[in-house]
Amino acid sequence: MGLAINFIGFQIGWFACVIGAAQGQVILAISVVALIVAYHLYRNNSYAELFIILTAIIIGFIWESCLVTSGWISYGLAANSLFFAPLWLVAMWALFATTINLSMAWLKQRWLLASFMGSVFGPLAFIAGEKLGAVQFIDRPSALLALALGWACLMPLLLRLADLFKYRFESMEI
């Protein structure tokens, strides 16, 4: 049951962010994600979960800000800066982190598969976001290549960090 709730929560949060960004309802989108993340932390009650979420936020902010400054991707009205990732996108990284030890736990120790899946599904998520109006590709080939390469590295990295945090904070509860 926990896996299903985790998967469904991620989908609800993803759509809330993308549609909220496209419709100018960023605060509502971030609020939905905050509720999902808070529920996740309540159910899992673990410092390991908290640390992977905070780490994903930092990594996501840096990575997405690099994409913003590259000029390959634009977030239109939902962007709060020309140099930094929009808040709704950073919130999605927190949301994504909630799936690492649950919905995507099966990818742990499968680094090549995780890398491959990141390189495919990372860009596909952005293409879906484009179709829903939250993202615009300024230089589509460069953006998709950067997204594929970035996610090919970031997916196994986050899975590994989650394992390290789980090992380090295994017996500690929030």
C-alpha atoms as a PDB file:
ATOM      1  CA  MET A   1       0.000   0.000   0.000  1.00  0.00           C
ATOM      2  CA  GLY A   2       2.859   2.390   0.812  1.00  0.00           C
ATOM      3  CA  LEU A   3       4.287   2.050  -2.705  1.00  0.00           C
ATOM      4  CA  ALA A   4       0.933   2.861  -4.294  1.00  0.00           C
ATOM      5  CA  ILE A   5       0.423   5.911  -2.079  1.00  0.00           C
ATOM      6  CA  ASN A   6       3.965   7.051  -2.847  1.00  0.00           C
ATOM      7  CA  PHE A   7       3.509   6.638  -6.598  1.00  0.00           C
ATOM      8  CA  ILE A   8       0.095   8.313  -6.658  1.00  0.00           C
ATOM      9  CA  GLY A   9       1.323  11.143  -4.423  1.00  0.00           C
ATOM     10  CA  PHE A  10       4.216  11.779  -6.793  1.00  0.00           C
ATOM     11  CA  GLN A  11       1.893  11.887  -9.796  1.00  0.00           C
ATOM     12  CA  ILE A  12      -0.495  14.293  -8.064  1.00  0.00           C
ATOM     13  CA  GLY A  13       2.385  16.544  -7.017  1.00  0.00           C
ATOM     14  CA  TRP A  14       3.996  16.443 -10.470  1.00  0.00           C
ATOM     15  CA  PHE A  15       0.777  17.456 -12.207  1.00  0.00           C
ATOM     16  CA  ALA A  16       0.057  20.105  -9.561  1.00  0.00           C
ATOM     17  CA  CYS A  17       3.480  21.679 -10.195  1.00  0.00           C
ATOM     18  CA  VAL A  18       3.391  21.531 -13.965  1.00  0.00           C
ATOM     19  CA  ILE A  19      -0.202  22.657 -14.365  1.00  0.00           C
ATOM     20  CA  GLY A  20       0.176  25.176 -11.539  1.00  0.00           C
ATOM     21  CA  ALA A  21       3.228  26.665 -13.247  1.00  0.00           C
ATOM     22  CA  ALA A  22       1.459  26.783 -16.604  1.00  0.00           C
ATOM     23  CA  GLN A  23      -1.596  28.459 -15.032  1.00  0.00           C
ATOM     24  CA  GLY A  24       0.291  30.874 -12.796  1.00  0.00           C
ATOM     25  CA  GLN A  25      -0.778  29.032  -9.624  1.00  0.00           C
ATOM     26  CA  VAL A  26       2.723  28.374  -8.298  1.00  0.00           C
ATOM     27  CA  ILE A  27       1.868  28.868  -4.610  1.00  0.00           C
ATOM     28  CA  LEU A  28      -0.935  26.327  -4.842  1.00  0.00           C
ATOM     29  CA  ALA A  29       1.397  23.871  -6.606  1.00  0.00           C
ATOM     30  CA  ILE A  30       4.124  24.261  -3.989  1.00  0.00           C
ATOM     31  CA  SER A  31       1.528  23.858  -1.237  1.00  0.00           C
ATOM     32  CA  VAL A  32       0.371  20.540  -2.710  1.00  0.00           C
ATOM     33  CA  VAL A  33       3.978  19.309  -2.837  1.00  0.00           C
ATOM     34  CA  ALA A  34       4.618  20.511   0.719  1.00  0.00           C
ATOM     35  CA  LEU A  35       1.635  18.489   1.954  1.00  0.00           C
ATOM     36  CA  ILE A  36       2.786  15.368   0.104  1.00  0.00           C
ATOM     37  CA  VAL A  37       6.352  15.705   1.403  1.00  0.00           C
ATOM     38  CA  ALA A  38       5.119  16.362   4.958  1.00  0.00           C
ATOM     39  CA  TYR A  39       2.884  13.287   4.780  1.00  0.00           C
ATOM     40  CA  HIS A  40       5.814  11.245   3.458  1.00  0.00           C
ATOM     41  CA  LEU A  41       8.060  12.374   6.318  1.00  0.00           C
ATOM     42  CA  TYR A  42       5.295  11.691   8.840  1.00  0.00           C
ATOM     43  CA  ARG A  43       4.796   8.142   7.525  1.00  0.00           C
ATOM     44  CA  ASN A  44       8.496   7.354   7.255  1.00  0.00           C
ATOM     45  CA  ASN A  45       9.723   9.260  10.322  1.00  0.00           C
ATOM     46  CA  SER A  46      13.377   9.011   9.349  1.00  0.00           C
ATOM     47  CA  TYR A  47      16.354  11.340   9.215  1.00  0.00           C
ATOM     48  CA  ALA A  48      17.498   9.420   6.143  1.00  0.00           C
ATOM     49  CA  GLU A  49      14.340  10.521   4.308  1.00  0.00           C
ATOM     50  CA  LEU A  50      14.731  14.093   5.497  1.00  0.00           C
ATOM     51  CA  PHE A  51      18.369  14.204   4.369  1.00  0.00           C
ATOM     52  CA  ILE A  52      17.686  12.758   0.917  1.00  0.00           C
ATOM     53  CA  ILE A  53      14.903  15.295   0.422  1.00  0.00           C
ATOM     54  CA  LEU A  54      17.115  18.206   1.512  1.00  0.00           C
ATOM     55  CA  THR A  55      19.990  16.914  -0.622  1.00  0.00           C
ATOM     56  CA  ALA A  56      17.732  16.549  -3.659  1.00  0.00           C
ATOM     57  CA  ILE A  57      16.511  20.117  -3.164  1.00  0.00           C
ATOM     58  CA  ILE A  58      20.098  21.412  -3.163  1.00  0.00           C
ATOM     59  CA  ILE A  59      21.174  19.297  -6.142  1.00  0.00           C
ATOM     60  CA  GLY A  60      17.988  20.155  -8.018  1.00  0.00           C
ATOM     61  CA  PHE A  61      18.334  23.868  -7.364  1.00  0.00           C
ATOM     62  CA  ILE A  62      21.931  23.882  -8.641  1.00  0.00           C
ATOM     63  CA  TRP A  63      21.212  21.675 -11.659  1.00  0.00           C
ATOM     64  CA  GLU A  64      18.035  23.440 -12.735  1.00  0.00           C
ATOM     65  CA  SER A  65      19.648  26.857 -12.200  1.00  0.00           C
ATOM     66  CA  CYS A  66      22.449  25.784 -14.552  1.00  0.00           C
ATOM     67  CA  LEU A  67      19.829  24.844 -17.135  1.00  0.00           C
ATOM     68  CA  VAL A  68      18.107  28.205 -16.688  1.00  0.00           C
ATOM     69  CA  THR A  69      21.323  30.178 -17.156  1.00  0.00           C
ATOM     70  CA  SER A  70      22.253  28.090 -20.209  1.00  0.00           C
ATOM     71  CA  GLY A  71      19.424  29.727 -22.121  1.00  0.00           C
ATOM     72  CA  TRP A  72      18.233  26.388 -23.465  1.00  0.00           C
ATOM     73  CA  ILE A  73      15.063  26.265 -21.344  1.00  0.00           C
ATOM     74  CA  SER A  74      12.598  28.934 -20.264  1.00  0.00           C
ATOM     75  CA  TYR A  75       9.873  28.791 -17.660  1.00  0.00           C
ATOM     76  CA  GLY A  76       7.952  31.839 -18.857  1.00  0.00           C
ATOM     77  CA  LEU A  77       5.569  33.372 -16.356  1.00  0.00           C
ATOM     78  CA  ALA A  78       6.357  30.707 -13.749  1.00  0.00           C
ATOM     79  CA  ALA A  79      10.009  31.782 -13.560  1.00  0.00           C
ATOM     80  CA  ASN A  80      10.946  33.882 -10.572  1.00  0.00           C
ATOM     81  CA  SER A  81      14.431  34.702 -11.898  1.00  0.00           C
ATOM     82  CA  LEU A  82      16.527  34.649 -15.034  1.00  0.00           C
ATOM     83  CA  PHE A  83      19.372  32.968 -13.143  1.00  0.00           C
ATOM     84  CA  PHE A  84      17.751  30.551 -10.712  1.00  0.00           C
ATOM     85  CA  ALA A  85      15.420  27.609 -11.035  1.00  0.00           C
ATOM     86  CA  PRO A  86      11.758  28.403 -10.358  1.00  0.00           C
ATOM     87  CA  LEU A  87      10.506  27.414  -6.918  1.00  0.00           C
ATOM     88  CA  TRP A  88       7.913  24.997  -8.287  1.00  0.00           C
ATOM     89  CA  LEU A  89      10.665  23.069 -10.056  1.00  0.00           C
ATOM     90  CA  VAL A  90      12.790  22.906  -6.905  1.00  0.00           C
ATOM     91  CA  ALA A  91       9.701  21.648  -5.063  1.00  0.00           C
ATOM     92  CA  MET A  92       9.470  18.858  -7.617  1.00  0.00           C
ATOM     93  CA  TRP A  93      12.948  17.718  -6.584  1.00  0.00           C
ATOM     94  CA  ALA A  94      11.715  17.337  -3.003  1.00  0.00           C
ATOM     95  CA  LEU A  95       8.752  15.410  -4.354  1.00  0.00           C
ATOM     96  CA  PHE A  96      11.011  13.221  -6.496  1.00  0.00           C
ATOM     97  CA  ALA A  97      13.177  12.449  -3.463  1.00  0.00           C
ATOM     98  CA  THR A  98      10.156  10.928  -1.702  1.00  0.00           C
ATOM     99  CA  THR A  99      10.131   8.162  -4.328  1.00  0.00           C
ATOM    100  CA  ILE A 100      13.783   7.151  -4.037  1.00  0.00           C
ATOM    101  CA  ASN A 101      13.429   4.749  -1.098  1.00  0.00           C
ATOM    102  CA  LEU A 102       9.949   3.564  -2.054  1.00  0.00           C
ATOM    103  CA  SER A 103       8.707   3.595  -5.646  1.00  0.00           C
ATOM    104  CA  MET A 104      12.210   3.585  -7.103  1.00  0.00           C
ATOM    105  CA  ALA A 105      13.977   1.462  -4.489  1.00  0.00           C
ATOM    106  CA  TRP A 106      14.100  -1.413  -6.976  1.00  0.00           C
ATOM    107  CA  LEU A 107      16.642   0.620  -8.988  1.00  0.00           C
ATOM    108  CA  LYS A 108      19.174   0.639  -6.171  1.00  0.00           C
ATOM    109  CA  GLN A 109      22.325  -1.298  -7.029  1.00  0.00           C
ATOM    110  CA  ARG A 110      21.253  -1.210 -10.687  1.00  0.00           C
ATOM    111  CA  TRP A 111      23.368   1.794 -11.597  1.00  0.00           C
ATOM    112  CA  LEU A 112      23.379   1.308 -15.367  1.00  0.00           C
ATOM    113  CA  LEU A 113      19.630   0.806 -15.495  1.00  0.00           C
ATOM    114  CA  ALA A 114      19.102   3.827 -13.234  1.00  0.00           C
ATOM    115  CA  SER A 115      21.362   5.888 -15.475  1.00  0.00           C
ATOM    116  CA  PHE A 116      19.556   4.719 -18.605  1.00  0.00           C
ATOM    117  CA  MET A 117      16.129   5.390 -17.105  1.00  0.00           C
ATOM    118  CA  GLY A 118      17.231   8.826 -15.942  1.00  0.00           C
ATOM    119  CA  SER A 119      18.531   9.661 -19.412  1.00  0.00           C
ATOM    120  CA  VAL A 120      15.190   8.686 -20.958  1.00  0.00           C
ATOM    121  CA  PHE A 121      12.564   9.711 -18.421  1.00  0.00           C
ATOM    122  CA  GLY A 122      14.211  12.961 -17.276  1.00  0.00           C
ATOM    123  CA  PRO A 123      13.889  14.538 -20.733  1.00  0.00           C
ATOM    124  CA  LEU A 124      10.459  12.949 -21.254  1.00  0.00           C
ATOM    125  CA  ALA A 125       9.183  14.665 -18.105  1.00  0.00           C
ATOM    126  CA  PHE A 126      10.335  17.998 -19.534  1.00  0.00           C
ATOM    127  CA  ILE A 127       8.701  17.255 -22.879  1.00  0.00           C
ATOM    128  CA  ALA A 128       5.462  16.518 -21.017  1.00  0.00           C
ATOM    129  CA  GLY A 129       5.923  19.759 -19.079  1.00  0.00           C
ATOM    130  CA  GLU A 130       6.351  21.583 -22.378  1.00  0.00           C
ATOM    131  CA  LYS A 131       3.147  20.073 -23.761  1.00  0.00           C
ATOM    132  CA  LEU A 132       1.294  21.226 -20.630  1.00  0.00           C
ATOM    133  CA  GLY A 133       2.696  24.761 -20.934  1.00  0.00           C
ATOM    134  CA  ALA A 134       5.126  24.937 -17.993  1.00  0.00           C
ATOM    135  CA  VAL A 135       8.392  24.772 -19.955  1.00  0.00           C
ATOM    136  CA  GLN A 136       9.613  26.136 -23.259  1.00  0.00           C
ATOM    137  CA  PHE A 137      12.659  24.779 -25.042  1.00  0.00           C
ATOM    138  CA  ILE A 138      14.711  27.631 -26.484  1.00  0.00           C
ATOM    139  CA  ASP A 139      17.370  25.316 -27.908  1.00  0.00           C
ATOM    140  CA  ARG A 140      15.592  21.964 -27.954  1.00  0.00           C
ATOM    141  CA  PRO A 141      18.490  19.683 -29.041  1.00  0.00           C
ATOM    142  CA  SER A 142      20.942  21.170 -26.527  1.00  0.00           C
ATOM    143  CA  ALA A 143      18.364  21.140 -23.732  1.00  0.00           C
ATOM    144  CA  LEU A 144      17.351  17.528 -24.336  1.00  0.00           C
ATOM    145  CA  LEU A 145      20.977  16.409 -24.551  1.00  0.00           C
ATOM    146  CA  ALA A 146      21.830  18.245 -21.319  1.00  0.00           C
ATOM    147  CA  LEU A 147      18.774  16.783 -19.597  1.00  0.00           C
ATOM    148  CA  ALA A 148      19.622  13.262 -20.747  1.00  0.00           C
ATOM    149  CA  LEU A 149      23.247  13.514 -19.642  1.00  0.00           C
ATOM    150  CA  GLY A 150      22.348  15.243 -16.386  1.00  0.00           C
ATOM    151  CA  TRP A 151      19.686  12.736 -15.396  1.00  0.00           C
ATOM    152  CA  ALA A 152      21.944   9.852 -16.435  1.00  0.00           C
ATOM    153  CA  CYS A 153      24.297  11.047 -13.683  1.00  0.00           C
ATOM    154  CA  LEU A 154      21.828  12.409 -11.136  1.00  0.00           C
ATOM    155  CA  MET A 155      19.559   9.374 -10.915  1.00  0.00           C
ATOM    156  CA  PRO A 156      22.244   6.906  -9.752  1.00  0.00           C
ATOM    157  CA  LEU A 157      23.811   9.624  -7.586  1.00  0.00           C
ATOM    158  CA  LEU A 158      20.572  10.204  -5.679  1.00  0.00           C
ATOM    159  CA  LEU A 159      19.986   6.472  -5.300  1.00  0.00           C
ATOM    160  CA  ARG A 160      23.491   6.056  -3.874  1.00  0.00           C
ATOM    161  CA  LEU A 161      23.108   9.019  -1.526  1.00  0.00           C
ATOM    162  CA  ALA A 162      19.811   7.604  -0.278  1.00  0.00           C
ATOM    163  CA  ASP A 163      21.580   4.345   0.578  1.00  0.00           C
ATOM    164  CA  LEU A 164      24.368   6.200   2.365  1.00  0.00           C
ATOM    165  CA  PHE A 165      21.882   8.253   4.382  1.00  0.00           C
ATOM    166  CA  LYS A 166      19.834   5.176   5.185  1.00  0.00           C
ATOM    167  CA  TYR A 167      22.928   3.381   6.462  1.00  0.00           C
ATOM    168  CA  ARG A 168      24.136   6.418   8.428  1.00  0.00           C
ATOM    169  CA  PHE A 169      20.781   7.321  10.003  1.00  0.00           C
ATOM    170  CA  GLU A 170      19.137   3.883  10.044  1.00  0.00           C
ATOM    171  CA  SER A 171      18.142   3.866  13.688  1.00  0.00           C
ATOM    172  CA  MET A 172      17.416   7.586  14.080  1.00  0.00           C
ATOM    173  CA  GLU A 173      13.847   8.834  13.933  1.00  0.00           C
ATOM    174  CA  ILE A 174      12.700  12.403  13.488  1.00  0.00           C
END
